[in-house]
Amino acid sequence: MRRVTFEVTYPPELAHPLHRRLTRESGVSRMELLAWGPTATVTTLSWYDADPETTAAVLAAVESIAERHLVESDEGTYAFVHQTDFEFADDLMDLVSQANVVFVPPVTFRDDGSATVEAVGETASLSAFHDRLTDLVDVRVERVRAFGRRASSAALTDRQRAALDAAVTVGYYEVPRVGGVADVAAELDCAPSTAGELLRKAEAAVVTDYASAAPAEIRR
């Protein structure tokens, strides 16, 4: 199983109305499609790197929107949107529906007309999807990595998790460092040697998990 990141650039006739508006609207440069429902009437959750007013202006380009609810955040705006149709071109929808791969959120749309999508599947299925996609849009493979179920947070024991929480609390990971292992031990009510061992094992688990998930660049 592989997880492949594709960067695509749509011709105007295949671009979604939201994406076309994104390329023209000032004040917003990126939209991330975070969740969607595979139903005839579509409910999506997206994030925009813009304020609610600008986000509303972008959403106004989509005629199929029946309801919307915007939630402002510190870095942008979340949009809960109910649509009566996806409004993607039929050729793209046919390709997606027939592909033997699964698409992993987020799908990121940018104001330069490009989009990034990740797909998971067997090598042959991913290659077939890539070949059909290149018939419709400009495609670049950004990266590929092995895919497997993994439990990143579950890799830590409760005691290791408590050690990391204590370390953050006392400033152990601040730059420059404020608290030391002794301070972590005091938070945990244990010996410094025990606190040190808990931190080393917790850090090893976190770093190993991150390294195993890091994408390997494809050289084509």
N, C-alpha and C. Protein backbone atom coordinates (compact mmCIF):
# COMPACT_ATOMS: atom_id res chain seq x y z
N MET A 1 0.85 -1.19 0.00
CA MET A 1 0.00 0.00 0.00
C MET A 1 0.88 1.24 0.00
N ARG A 2 0.47 2.23 -0.79
CA ARG A 2 1.21 3.46 -0.90
C ARG A 2 0.28 4.65 -0.69
N ARG A 3 0.86 5.75 -0.25
CA ARG A 3 0.15 7.02 -0.09
C ARG A 3 0.88 8.05 -0.96
N VAL A 4 0.19 8.55 -1.97
CA VAL A 4 0.82 9.42 -2.95
C VAL A 4 0.17 10.80 -2.91
N THR A 5 1.00 11.83 -2.93
CA THR A 5 0.53 13.20 -2.99
C THR A 5 0.67 13.72 -4.42
N PHE A 6 -0.46 14.11 -5.00
CA PHE A 6 -0.48 14.66 -6.35
C PHE A 6 -0.72 16.17 -6.28
N GLU A 7 0.01 16.92 -7.08
CA GLU A 7 -0.32 18.33 -7.28
C GLU A 7 -0.88 18.47 -8.68
N VAL A 8 -2.06 19.03 -8.78
CA VAL A 8 -2.73 19.14 -10.08
C VAL A 8 -3.05 20.60 -10.36
N THR A 9 -3.07 20.92 -11.65
CA THR A 9 -3.51 22.24 -12.10
C THR A 9 -4.64 22.03 -13.10
N TYR A 10 -5.79 22.61 -12.80
CA TYR A 10 -6.97 22.39 -13.62
C TYR A 10 -7.03 23.39 -14.77
N PRO A 11 -7.47 22.95 -15.95
CA PRO A 11 -7.86 23.91 -16.97
C PRO A 11 -9.15 24.60 -16.51
N PRO A 12 -9.40 25.82 -16.96
CA PRO A 12 -10.57 26.57 -16.45
C PRO A 12 -11.89 25.81 -16.55
N GLU A 13 -12.06 25.02 -17.62
CA GLU A 13 -13.34 24.35 -17.80
C GLU A 13 -13.57 23.20 -16.81
N LEU A 14 -12.50 22.73 -16.16
CA LEU A 14 -12.64 21.64 -15.19
C LEU A 14 -12.54 22.12 -13.75
N ALA A 15 -12.14 23.36 -13.55
CA ALA A 15 -11.98 23.87 -12.19
C ALA A 15 -13.34 24.04 -11.51
N HIS A 16 -13.38 23.74 -10.23
CA HIS A 16 -14.60 23.93 -9.44
C HIS A 16 -14.88 25.43 -9.33
N PRO A 17 -16.16 25.84 -9.27
CA PRO A 17 -16.47 27.27 -9.13
C PRO A 17 -15.78 27.93 -7.95
N LEU A 18 -15.67 27.20 -6.84
CA LEU A 18 -14.96 27.76 -5.68
C LEU A 18 -13.51 28.04 -6.01
N HIS A 19 -12.89 27.11 -6.72
CA HIS A 19 -11.47 27.27 -7.04
C HIS A 19 -11.27 28.44 -8.02
N ARG A 20 -12.17 28.57 -8.98
CA ARG A 20 -12.06 29.69 -9.91
C ARG A 20 -12.19 31.01 -9.16
N ARG A 21 -13.11 31.05 -8.20
CA ARG A 21 -13.30 32.29 -7.42
C ARG A 21 -12.08 32.55 -6.54
N LEU A 22 -11.49 31.48 -6.02
CA LEU A 22 -10.31 31.61 -5.17
C LEU A 22 -9.17 32.28 -5.91
N THR A 23 -9.05 32.00 -7.20
CA THR A 23 -7.96 32.58 -7.99
C THR A 23 -8.17 34.06 -8.27
N ARG A 24 -9.41 34.53 -8.06
CA ARG A 24 -9.71 35.93 -8.36
C ARG A 24 -9.95 36.80 -7.13
N GLU A 25 -10.28 36.17 -6.01
CA GLU A 25 -10.67 36.92 -4.80
C GLU A 25 -9.43 37.33 -4.01
N SER A 26 -9.27 38.62 -3.75
CA SER A 26 -8.16 39.08 -2.92
C SER A 26 -8.46 38.79 -1.45
N GLY A 27 -7.43 38.56 -0.68
CA GLY A 27 -7.62 38.32 0.75
C GLY A 27 -7.71 36.87 1.14
N VAL A 28 -7.71 35.95 0.18
CA VAL A 28 -7.72 34.52 0.49
C VAL A 28 -6.82 33.82 -0.52
N SER A 29 -5.96 32.93 -0.03
CA SER A 29 -5.02 32.25 -0.93
C SER A 29 -5.11 30.74 -0.86
N ARG A 30 -5.84 30.21 0.13
CA ARG A 30 -5.88 28.75 0.29
C ARG A 30 -7.19 28.31 0.92
N MET A 31 -7.70 27.21 0.40
CA MET A 31 -8.86 26.55 0.98
C MET A 31 -8.53 25.08 1.17
N GLU A 32 -8.84 24.54 2.34
CA GLU A 32 -8.60 23.13 2.62
C GLU A 32 -9.94 22.43 2.83
N LEU A 33 -10.23 21.47 1.97
CA LEU A 33 -11.43 20.66 2.11
C LEU A 33 -11.14 19.57 3.13
N LEU A 34 -11.73 19.67 4.30
CA LEU A 34 -11.38 18.82 5.44
C LEU A 34 -12.25 17.57 5.55
N ALA A 35 -13.51 17.68 5.18
CA ALA A 35 -14.43 16.53 5.30
C ALA A 35 -15.57 16.72 4.34
N TRP A 36 -16.06 15.61 3.80
CA TRP A 36 -17.18 15.66 2.88
C TRP A 36 -17.99 14.37 3.00
N GLY A 37 -19.25 14.45 2.61
CA GLY A 37 -20.11 13.28 2.69
C GLY A 37 -20.42 12.74 1.30
N PRO A 38 -20.31 11.44 1.11
CA PRO A 38 -20.55 10.84 -0.21
C PRO A 38 -22.02 10.60 -0.48
N THR A 39 -22.79 11.67 -0.49
CA THR A 39 -24.23 11.55 -0.70
C THR A 39 -24.65 12.45 -1.86
N ALA A 40 -25.88 12.27 -2.31
CA ALA A 40 -26.38 13.08 -3.42
C ALA A 40 -26.40 14.56 -3.03
N THR A 41 -26.76 14.83 -1.79
CA THR A 41 -26.68 16.19 -1.27
C THR A 41 -25.45 16.26 -0.39
N VAL A 42 -24.56 17.18 -0.67
CA VAL A 42 -23.20 17.16 -0.13
C VAL A 42 -23.07 18.10 1.06
N THR A 43 -22.52 17.61 2.16
CA THR A 43 -22.18 18.45 3.29
C THR A 43 -20.67 18.42 3.45
N THR A 44 -20.03 19.59 3.47
CA THR A 44 -18.58 19.67 3.56
C THR A 44 -18.16 20.58 4.71
N LEU A 45 -16.95 20.34 5.18
CA LEU A 45 -16.29 21.23 6.13
C LEU A 45 -14.99 21.66 5.50
N SER A 46 -14.81 22.96 5.35
CA SER A 46 -13.59 23.50 4.74
C SER A 46 -13.01 24.58 5.64
N TRP A 47 -11.74 24.89 5.38
CA TRP A 47 -11.07 25.97 6.09
C TRP A 47 -10.46 26.93 5.07
N TYR A 48 -10.62 28.23 5.33
CA TYR A 48 -10.09 29.27 4.44
C TYR A 48 -9.12 30.15 5.23
N ASP A 49 -8.03 30.55 4.59
CA ASP A 49 -7.09 31.44 5.27
C ASP A 49 -7.53 32.89 5.06
N ALA A 50 -8.75 33.17 5.52
CA ALA A 50 -9.33 34.49 5.32
C ALA A 50 -10.37 34.75 6.40
N ASP A 51 -10.83 35.99 6.47
CA ASP A 51 -11.86 36.33 7.44
C ASP A 51 -13.22 35.87 6.93
N PRO A 52 -14.24 35.87 7.78
CA PRO A 52 -15.57 35.38 7.36
C PRO A 52 -16.16 36.14 6.17
N GLU A 53 -15.93 37.45 6.11
CA GLU A 53 -16.50 38.23 5.01
C GLU A 53 -15.92 37.81 3.66
N THR A 54 -14.61 37.63 3.62
CA THR A 54 -13.96 37.20 2.38
C THR A 54 -14.37 35.79 2.03
N THR A 55 -14.46 34.94 3.04
CA THR A 55 -14.89 33.55 2.81
C THR A 55 -16.30 33.51 2.24
N ALA A 56 -17.17 34.34 2.77
CA ALA A 56 -18.55 34.40 2.27
C ALA A 56 -18.58 34.82 0.80
N ALA A 57 -17.69 35.74 0.42
CA ALA A 57 -17.63 36.18 -0.97
C ALA A 57 -17.20 35.05 -1.90
N VAL A 58 -16.28 34.22 -1.43
CA VAL A 58 -15.85 33.07 -2.23
C VAL A 58 -16.99 32.07 -2.38
N LEU A 59 -17.69 31.79 -1.29
CA LEU A 59 -18.78 30.82 -1.31
C LEU A 59 -19.95 31.29 -2.18
N ALA A 60 -20.06 32.58 -2.37
CA ALA A 60 -21.16 33.11 -3.18
C ALA A 60 -21.07 32.65 -4.63
N ALA A 61 -19.90 32.12 -5.02
CA ALA A 61 -19.72 31.68 -6.41
C ALA A 61 -20.38 30.34 -6.69
N VAL A 62 -20.81 29.64 -5.65
CA VAL A 62 -21.35 28.29 -5.82
C VAL A 62 -22.87 28.33 -5.74
N GLU A 63 -23.52 28.11 -6.87
CA GLU A 63 -24.97 28.20 -6.93
C GLU A 63 -25.66 27.07 -6.19
N SER A 64 -24.98 25.93 -6.02
CA SER A 64 -25.62 24.77 -5.40
C SER A 64 -25.64 24.84 -3.88
N ILE A 65 -25.05 25.87 -3.29
CA ILE A 65 -25.04 25.97 -1.83
C ILE A 65 -26.44 26.31 -1.32
N ALA A 66 -26.94 25.43 -0.47
CA ALA A 66 -28.26 25.66 0.11
C ALA A 66 -28.16 26.28 1.50
N GLU A 67 -27.14 25.87 2.26
CA GLU A 67 -26.94 26.41 3.60
C GLU A 67 -25.45 26.54 3.87
N ARG A 68 -25.10 27.48 4.72
CA ARG A 68 -23.70 27.62 5.12
C ARG A 68 -23.64 28.20 6.51
N HIS A 69 -22.58 27.82 7.22
CA HIS A 69 -22.36 28.34 8.56
C HIS A 69 -20.86 28.57 8.72
N LEU A 70 -20.47 29.80 9.00
CA LEU A 70 -19.07 30.17 9.09
C LEU A 70 -18.65 30.34 10.54
N VAL A 71 -17.48 29.81 10.86
CA VAL A 71 -16.93 29.90 12.22
C VAL A 71 -15.55 30.51 12.13
N GLU A 72 -15.37 31.68 12.71
CA GLU A 72 -14.08 32.35 12.67
C GLU A 72 -13.11 31.70 13.64
N SER A 73 -11.86 31.55 13.20
CA SER A 73 -10.81 31.04 14.07
C SER A 73 -9.65 32.04 14.07
N ASP A 74 -8.64 31.77 14.88
CA ASP A 74 -7.52 32.70 14.97
C ASP A 74 -6.78 32.85 13.64
N GLU A 75 -6.74 31.79 12.84
CA GLU A 75 -5.94 31.81 11.62
C GLU A 75 -6.78 31.83 10.35
N GLY A 76 -8.08 31.83 10.44
CA GLY A 76 -8.91 31.81 9.25
C GLY A 76 -10.36 31.57 9.58
N THR A 77 -11.06 30.89 8.68
CA THR A 77 -12.50 30.67 8.85
C THR A 77 -12.86 29.24 8.45
N TYR A 78 -13.62 28.56 9.31
CA TYR A 78 -14.19 27.26 8.97
C TYR A 78 -15.55 27.49 8.33
N ALA A 79 -15.85 26.67 7.33
CA ALA A 79 -17.14 26.79 6.64
C ALA A 79 -17.83 25.45 6.59
N PHE A 80 -18.98 25.35 7.25
CA PHE A 80 -19.84 24.19 7.11
C PHE A 80 -20.81 24.52 5.98
N VAL A 81 -20.80 23.71 4.94
CA VAL A 81 -21.57 24.03 3.74
C VAL A 81 -22.41 22.83 3.31
N HIS A 82 -23.66 23.08 3.02
CA HIS A 82 -24.55 22.05 2.48
C HIS A 82 -24.84 22.41 1.03
N GLN A 83 -24.46 21.49 0.11
CA GLN A 83 -24.67 21.70 -1.32
C GLN A 83 -25.61 20.64 -1.87
N THR A 84 -26.28 20.99 -2.94
CA THR A 84 -27.14 20.02 -3.62
C THR A 84 -26.38 19.25 -4.69
N ASP A 85 -25.13 19.67 -4.96
CA ASP A 85 -24.33 19.01 -5.99
C ASP A 85 -22.86 19.34 -5.75
N PHE A 86 -21.97 18.41 -6.15
CA PHE A 86 -20.54 18.66 -5.98
C PHE A 86 -20.05 19.80 -6.88
N GLU A 87 -20.62 19.91 -8.06
CA GLU A 87 -20.25 20.91 -9.07
C GLU A 87 -18.86 20.70 -9.66
N PHE A 88 -18.29 19.53 -9.50
CA PHE A 88 -17.09 19.20 -10.26
C PHE A 88 -17.50 18.73 -11.65
N ALA A 89 -16.59 18.87 -12.61
CA ALA A 89 -16.87 18.43 -13.98
C ALA A 89 -17.16 16.94 -14.00
N ASP A 90 -18.04 16.53 -14.91
CA ASP A 90 -18.44 15.12 -14.99
C ASP A 90 -17.24 14.20 -15.22
N ASP A 91 -16.30 14.61 -16.05
CA ASP A 91 -15.13 13.77 -16.33
C ASP A 91 -14.34 13.50 -15.06
N LEU A 92 -14.18 14.52 -14.21
CA LEU A 92 -13.45 14.35 -12.95
C LEU A 92 -14.23 13.46 -11.99
N MET A 93 -15.55 13.67 -11.91
CA MET A 93 -16.36 12.87 -11.01
C MET A 93 -16.36 11.40 -11.43
N ASP A 94 -16.39 11.15 -12.74
CA ASP A 94 -16.33 9.77 -13.22
C ASP A 94 -15.01 9.13 -12.85
N LEU A 95 -13.93 9.88 -13.02
CA LEU A 95 -12.61 9.35 -12.69
C LEU A 95 -12.52 9.01 -11.20
N VAL A 96 -12.97 9.92 -10.36
CA VAL A 96 -12.90 9.71 -8.92
C VAL A 96 -13.76 8.52 -8.50
N SER A 97 -14.96 8.41 -9.05
CA SER A 97 -15.87 7.35 -8.65
C SER A 97 -15.39 5.97 -9.10
N GLN A 98 -14.63 5.91 -10.19
CA GLN A 98 -14.18 4.64 -10.72
C GLN A 98 -12.79 4.25 -10.23
N ALA A 99 -12.08 5.15 -9.60
CA ALA A 99 -10.71 4.86 -9.15
C ALA A 99 -10.72 3.87 -7.98
N ASN A 100 -9.80 2.93 -8.01
CA ASN A 100 -9.67 1.96 -6.92
C ASN A 100 -8.69 2.46 -5.87
N VAL A 101 -8.85 3.71 -5.48
CA VAL A 101 -8.02 4.33 -4.45
C VAL A 101 -8.94 5.11 -3.51
N VAL A 102 -8.40 5.47 -2.37
CA VAL A 102 -9.13 6.27 -1.38
C VAL A 102 -8.44 7.62 -1.24
N PHE A 103 -9.22 8.68 -1.15
CA PHE A 103 -8.67 10.01 -1.06
C PHE A 103 -8.67 10.47 0.40
N VAL A 104 -7.52 10.99 0.83
CA VAL A 104 -7.30 11.34 2.23
C VAL A 104 -7.32 12.86 2.38
N PRO A 105 -8.18 13.39 3.26
CA PRO A 105 -8.21 14.84 3.48
C PRO A 105 -6.94 15.31 4.21
N PRO A 106 -6.63 16.61 4.05
CA PRO A 106 -7.39 17.60 3.29
C PRO A 106 -7.01 17.62 1.82
N VAL A 107 -7.95 18.10 1.01
CA VAL A 107 -7.64 18.48 -0.36
C VAL A 107 -7.44 19.99 -0.35
N THR A 108 -6.27 20.43 -0.78
CA THR A 108 -5.92 21.85 -0.66
C THR A 108 -5.99 22.54 -2.01
N PHE A 109 -6.75 23.63 -2.07
CA PHE A 109 -6.87 24.44 -3.28
C PHE A 109 -6.16 25.77 -3.04
N ARG A 110 -5.39 26.24 -4.05
CA ARG A 110 -4.61 27.47 -3.90
C ARG A 110 -5.00 28.49 -4.95
N ASP A 111 -4.67 29.75 -4.65
CA ASP A 111 -5.06 30.83 -5.55
C ASP A 111 -4.26 30.88 -6.84
N ASP A 112 -3.22 30.05 -6.97
CA ASP A 112 -2.49 29.99 -8.23
C ASP A 112 -3.10 28.99 -9.21
N GLY A 113 -4.24 28.40 -8.83
CA GLY A 113 -4.92 27.45 -9.69
C GLY A 113 -4.56 26.00 -9.45
N SER A 114 -3.62 25.75 -8.53
CA SER A 114 -3.20 24.38 -8.25
C SER A 114 -3.97 23.80 -7.08
N ALA A 115 -3.94 22.48 -6.97
CA ALA A 115 -4.57 21.78 -5.85
C ALA A 115 -3.71 20.58 -5.49
N THR A 116 -3.75 20.20 -4.23
CA THR A 116 -3.00 19.04 -3.75
C THR A 116 -3.97 18.03 -3.18
N VAL A 117 -3.83 16.78 -3.62
CA VAL A 117 -4.70 15.70 -3.15
C VAL A 117 -3.85 14.47 -2.86
N GLU A 118 -4.20 13.75 -1.80
CA GLU A 118 -3.50 12.53 -1.45
C GLU A 118 -4.40 11.33 -1.68
N ALA A 119 -3.83 10.28 -2.26
CA ALA A 119 -4.59 9.07 -2.54
C ALA A 119 -3.84 7.87 -1.96
N VAL A 120 -4.60 6.90 -1.46
CA VAL A 120 -4.04 5.69 -0.88
C VAL A 120 -4.55 4.49 -1.66
N GLY A 121 -3.65 3.56 -1.96
CA GLY A 121 -4.06 2.35 -2.66
C GLY A 121 -2.87 1.49 -3.02
N GLU A 122 -3.13 0.44 -3.79
CA GLU A 122 -2.06 -0.40 -4.27
C GLU A 122 -1.35 0.31 -5.43
N THR A 123 -0.11 -0.07 -5.66
CA THR A 123 0.70 0.62 -6.67
C THR A 123 0.03 0.64 -8.04
N ALA A 124 -0.50 -0.50 -8.46
CA ALA A 124 -1.13 -0.58 -9.78
C ALA A 124 -2.34 0.35 -9.87
N SER A 125 -3.14 0.40 -8.82
CA SER A 125 -4.33 1.26 -8.82
C SER A 125 -3.94 2.74 -8.84
N LEU A 126 -2.92 3.08 -8.07
CA LEU A 126 -2.45 4.46 -8.04
C LEU A 126 -1.89 4.87 -9.40
N SER A 127 -1.17 3.95 -10.05
CA SER A 127 -0.62 4.24 -11.37
C SER A 127 -1.72 4.44 -12.39
N ALA A 128 -2.75 3.59 -12.31
CA ALA A 128 -3.87 3.72 -13.24
C ALA A 128 -4.60 5.04 -13.03
N PHE A 129 -4.80 5.42 -11.76
CA PHE A 129 -5.44 6.70 -11.46
C PHE A 129 -4.59 7.84 -12.00
N HIS A 130 -3.28 7.78 -11.79
CA HIS A 130 -2.38 8.83 -12.27
C HIS A 130 -2.47 8.96 -13.79
N ASP A 131 -2.46 7.84 -14.48
CA ASP A 131 -2.50 7.87 -15.94
C ASP A 131 -3.79 8.50 -16.46
N ARG A 132 -4.91 8.14 -15.84
CA ARG A 132 -6.19 8.72 -16.27
C ARG A 132 -6.28 10.19 -15.90
N LEU A 133 -5.70 10.55 -14.75
CA LEU A 133 -5.75 11.95 -14.32
C LEU A 133 -4.96 12.84 -15.27
N THR A 134 -3.83 12.34 -15.77
CA THR A 134 -3.00 13.14 -16.67
C THR A 134 -3.70 13.41 -18.00
N ASP A 135 -4.71 12.62 -18.32
CA ASP A 135 -5.49 12.88 -19.54
C ASP A 135 -6.37 14.11 -19.39
N LEU A 136 -6.63 14.51 -18.12
CA LEU A 136 -7.56 15.60 -17.87
C LEU A 136 -6.88 16.88 -17.38
N VAL A 137 -5.86 16.73 -16.55
CA VAL A 137 -5.24 17.90 -15.92
C VAL A 137 -3.72 17.73 -15.92
N ASP A 138 -3.02 18.83 -15.62
CA ASP A 138 -1.57 18.76 -15.43
C ASP A 138 -1.31 18.17 -14.05
N VAL A 139 -0.46 17.15 -13.97
CA VAL A 139 -0.24 16.43 -12.72
C VAL A 139 1.26 16.35 -12.43
N ARG A 140 1.59 16.56 -11.16
CA ARG A 140 2.95 16.33 -10.69
C ARG A 140 2.89 15.50 -9.42
N VAL A 141 3.67 14.42 -9.36
CA VAL A 141 3.74 13.62 -8.14
C VAL A 141 4.70 14.31 -7.18
N GLU A 142 4.17 14.79 -6.05
CA GLU A 142 5.00 15.49 -5.08
C GLU A 142 5.80 14.54 -4.21
N ARG A 143 5.14 13.49 -3.71
CA ARG A 143 5.83 12.56 -2.83
C ARG A 143 5.05 11.27 -2.72
N VAL A 144 5.73 10.24 -2.26
CA VAL A 144 5.11 8.93 -2.06
C VAL A 144 5.70 8.31 -0.82
N ARG A 145 4.88 7.59 -0.10
CA ARG A 145 5.36 6.91 1.10
C ARG A 145 4.53 5.66 1.32
N ALA A 146 5.08 4.79 2.12
CA ALA A 146 4.34 3.59 2.48
C ALA A 146 3.16 3.98 3.35
N PHE A 147 2.07 3.23 3.22
CA PHE A 147 0.89 3.48 4.04
C PHE A 147 0.60 2.27 4.89
N GLY A 148 0.27 2.52 6.15
CA GLY A 148 -0.11 1.46 7.05
C GLY A 148 -0.82 2.04 8.25
N ARG A 149 -1.67 1.28 8.83
CA ARG A 149 -2.34 1.77 10.03
C ARG A 149 -1.31 1.87 11.14
N ARG A 150 -1.38 2.96 11.84
CA ARG A 150 -0.44 3.16 12.93
C ARG A 150 -1.16 3.92 14.04
N ALA A 151 -0.70 3.73 15.24
CA ALA A 151 -1.33 4.37 16.40
C ALA A 151 -0.31 5.27 17.06
N SER A 152 -0.20 6.48 16.57
CA SER A 152 0.84 7.37 17.06
C SER A 152 0.65 7.72 18.54
N SER A 153 -0.55 8.17 18.90
CA SER A 153 -0.75 8.56 20.29
C SER A 153 -0.81 7.34 21.20
N ALA A 154 -1.33 6.20 20.68
CA ALA A 154 -1.45 5.01 21.50
C ALA A 154 -0.09 4.38 21.79
N ALA A 155 0.95 4.83 21.06
CA ALA A 155 2.28 4.27 21.27
C ALA A 155 2.85 4.71 22.62
N LEU A 156 2.29 5.74 23.22
CA LEU A 156 2.74 6.24 24.51
C LEU A 156 1.92 5.63 25.64
N THR A 157 2.60 5.25 26.71
CA THR A 157 1.88 4.81 27.90
C THR A 157 1.33 6.03 28.62
N ASP A 158 0.40 5.82 29.52
CA ASP A 158 -0.16 6.94 30.29
C ASP A 158 0.94 7.66 31.06
N ARG A 159 1.90 6.89 31.59
CA ARG A 159 2.99 7.51 32.37
C ARG A 159 3.91 8.33 31.47
N GLN A 160 4.19 7.83 30.27
CA GLN A 160 5.02 8.59 29.34
C GLN A 160 4.32 9.87 28.89
N ARG A 161 3.01 9.75 28.67
CA ARG A 161 2.24 10.93 28.28
C ARG A 161 2.26 11.97 29.40
N ALA A 162 2.14 11.51 30.64
CA ALA A 162 2.18 12.42 31.79
C ALA A 162 3.54 13.09 31.89
N ALA A 163 4.60 12.35 31.56
CA ALA A 163 5.96 12.92 31.60
C ALA A 163 6.10 14.03 30.58
N LEU A 164 5.59 13.82 29.39
CA LEU A 164 5.67 14.87 28.36
C LEU A 164 4.85 16.09 28.77
N ASP A 165 3.65 15.85 29.32
CA ASP A 165 2.83 16.97 29.78
C ASP A 165 3.54 17.76 30.87
N ALA A 166 4.18 17.05 31.78
CA ALA A 166 4.91 17.72 32.85
C ALA A 166 6.08 18.50 32.30
N ALA A 167 6.77 17.93 31.31
CA ALA A 167 7.92 18.61 30.71
C ALA A 167 7.51 19.92 30.05
N VAL A 168 6.37 19.90 29.36
CA VAL A 168 5.87 21.12 28.75
C VAL A 168 5.51 22.14 29.82
N THR A 169 4.89 21.67 30.89
CA THR A 169 4.46 22.57 31.98
C THR A 169 5.64 23.30 32.62
N VAL A 170 6.74 22.58 32.85
CA VAL A 170 7.88 23.19 33.56
C VAL A 170 8.83 23.92 32.62
N GLY A 171 8.55 23.90 31.31
CA GLY A 171 9.42 24.60 30.37
C GLY A 171 10.61 23.81 29.90
N TYR A 172 10.53 22.49 29.98
CA TYR A 172 11.66 21.64 29.58
C TYR A 172 11.96 21.77 28.09
N TYR A 173 10.93 22.04 27.28
CA TYR A 173 11.14 22.13 25.83
C TYR A 173 11.20 23.57 25.32
N GLU A 174 11.21 24.53 26.23
CA GLU A 174 11.34 25.91 25.78
C GLU A 174 12.78 26.19 25.34
N VAL A 175 12.93 27.22 24.53
CA VAL A 175 14.26 27.62 24.06
C VAL A 175 14.48 29.08 24.44
N PRO A 176 15.44 29.37 25.38
CA PRO A 176 16.25 28.38 26.10
C PRO A 176 15.42 27.61 27.14
N ARG A 177 15.93 26.43 27.50
CA ARG A 177 15.23 25.56 28.44
C ARG A 177 15.08 26.24 29.79
N VAL A 178 13.88 26.12 30.38
CA VAL A 178 13.60 26.73 31.68
C VAL A 178 13.66 25.69 32.79
N GLY A 179 12.94 24.58 32.63
CA GLY A 179 12.93 23.53 33.65
C GLY A 179 13.76 22.34 33.23
N GLY A 180 14.20 21.56 34.22
CA GLY A 180 15.01 20.40 33.95
C GLY A 180 14.31 19.11 34.33
N VAL A 181 15.05 18.02 34.24
CA VAL A 181 14.50 16.70 34.58
C VAL A 181 14.02 16.67 36.03
N ALA A 182 14.76 17.35 36.92
CA ALA A 182 14.37 17.38 38.33
C ALA A 182 12.99 18.02 38.50
N ASP A 183 12.72 19.04 37.69
CA ASP A 183 11.41 19.69 37.77
C ASP A 183 10.31 18.77 37.25
N VAL A 184 10.62 18.02 36.21
CA VAL A 184 9.65 17.04 35.70
C VAL A 184 9.38 15.99 36.77
N ALA A 185 10.46 15.53 37.44
CA ALA A 185 10.32 14.53 38.49
C ALA A 185 9.44 15.05 39.63
N ALA A 186 9.61 16.33 39.96
CA ALA A 186 8.80 16.91 41.03
C ALA A 186 7.33 16.93 40.64
N GLU A 187 7.04 17.22 39.37
CA GLU A 187 5.65 17.23 38.89
C GLU A 187 5.05 15.83 38.96
N LEU A 188 5.89 14.82 38.67
CA LEU A 188 5.40 13.44 38.63
C LEU A 188 5.49 12.74 39.98
N ASP A 189 6.18 13.40 40.93
CA ASP A 189 6.42 12.81 42.25
C ASP A 189 7.17 11.49 42.11
N CYS A 190 8.30 11.56 41.40
CA CYS A 190 9.13 10.37 41.22
C CYS A 190 10.60 10.78 41.23
N ALA A 191 11.48 9.83 41.17
CA ALA A 191 12.92 10.12 41.15
C ALA A 191 13.31 10.73 39.81
N PRO A 192 14.34 11.61 39.80
CA PRO A 192 14.81 12.18 38.54
C PRO A 192 15.21 11.11 37.52
N SER A 193 15.81 10.02 37.99
CA SER A 193 16.20 8.96 37.04
C SER A 193 14.98 8.35 36.35
N THR A 194 13.90 8.21 37.12
CA THR A 194 12.66 7.67 36.54
C THR A 194 12.07 8.65 35.54
N ALA A 195 12.05 9.94 35.92
CA ALA A 195 11.53 10.95 35.01
C ALA A 195 12.34 11.00 33.73
N GLY A 196 13.65 10.90 33.84
CA GLY A 196 14.51 10.92 32.66
C GLY A 196 14.24 9.75 31.73
N GLU A 197 14.05 8.57 32.32
CA GLU A 197 13.78 7.39 31.50
C GLU A 197 12.42 7.51 30.82
N LEU A 198 11.42 8.03 31.53
CA LEU A 198 10.11 8.21 30.92
C LEU A 198 10.17 9.18 29.74
N LEU A 199 10.92 10.27 29.92
CA LEU A 199 11.05 11.24 28.84
C LEU A 199 11.76 10.65 27.63
N ARG A 200 12.85 9.90 27.87
CA ARG A 200 13.60 9.31 26.75
C ARG A 200 12.73 8.34 25.96
N LYS A 201 11.97 7.51 26.65
CA LYS A 201 11.13 6.54 25.95
C LYS A 201 9.98 7.24 25.21
N ALA A 202 9.41 8.25 25.85
CA ALA A 202 8.32 8.98 25.21
C ALA A 202 8.83 9.72 23.97
N GLU A 203 9.98 10.38 24.10
CA GLU A 203 10.55 11.10 22.96
C GLU A 203 10.92 10.14 21.83
N ALA A 204 11.46 8.99 22.18
CA ALA A 204 11.83 8.00 21.17
C ALA A 204 10.59 7.53 20.40
N ALA A 205 9.48 7.32 21.12
CA ALA A 205 8.25 6.87 20.47
C ALA A 205 7.70 7.93 19.54
N VAL A 206 7.73 9.19 19.99
CA VAL A 206 7.19 10.29 19.18
C VAL A 206 8.05 10.51 17.94
N VAL A 207 9.37 10.53 18.10
CA VAL A 207 10.26 10.78 16.97
C VAL A 207 10.21 9.63 15.97
N THR A 208 10.17 8.39 16.47
CA THR A 208 10.08 7.24 15.58
C THR A 208 8.79 7.27 14.78
N ASP A 209 7.70 7.62 15.45
CA ASP A 209 6.41 7.71 14.76
C ASP A 209 6.45 8.79 13.69
N TYR A 210 7.04 9.94 14.00
CA TYR A 210 7.13 11.03 13.03
C TYR A 210 7.98 10.61 11.84
N ALA A 211 9.13 9.98 12.12
CA ALA A 211 10.03 9.59 11.04
C ALA A 211 9.39 8.56 10.12
N SER A 212 8.62 7.65 10.70
CA SER A 212 7.98 6.62 9.88
C SER A 212 6.88 7.20 9.01
N ALA A 213 6.33 8.35 9.43
CA ALA A 213 5.26 8.98 8.65
C ALA A 213 5.77 10.01 7.68
N ALA A 214 7.05 10.39 7.78
CA ALA A 214 7.59 11.44 6.92
C ALA A 214 7.61 10.98 5.47
N PRO A 215 7.19 11.84 4.55
CA PRO A 215 7.12 11.44 3.15
C PRO A 215 8.49 11.28 2.53
N ALA A 216 8.61 10.31 1.66
CA ALA A 216 9.83 10.12 0.88
C ALA A 216 9.63 10.75 -0.48
N GLU A 217 10.51 11.65 -0.88
CA GLU A 217 10.37 12.31 -2.16
C GLU A 217 10.55 11.32 -3.30
N ILE A 218 9.66 11.42 -4.27
CA ILE A 218 9.77 10.58 -5.47
C ILE A 218 10.71 11.25 -6.47
N ARG A 219 11.57 10.51 -7.06
CA ARG A 219 12.42 11.04 -8.12
C ARG A 219 11.97 10.41 -9.43
N ARG A 220 11.49 11.26 -10.31
CA ARG A 220 10.95 10.78 -11.56
C ARG A 220 11.88 11.14 -12.71
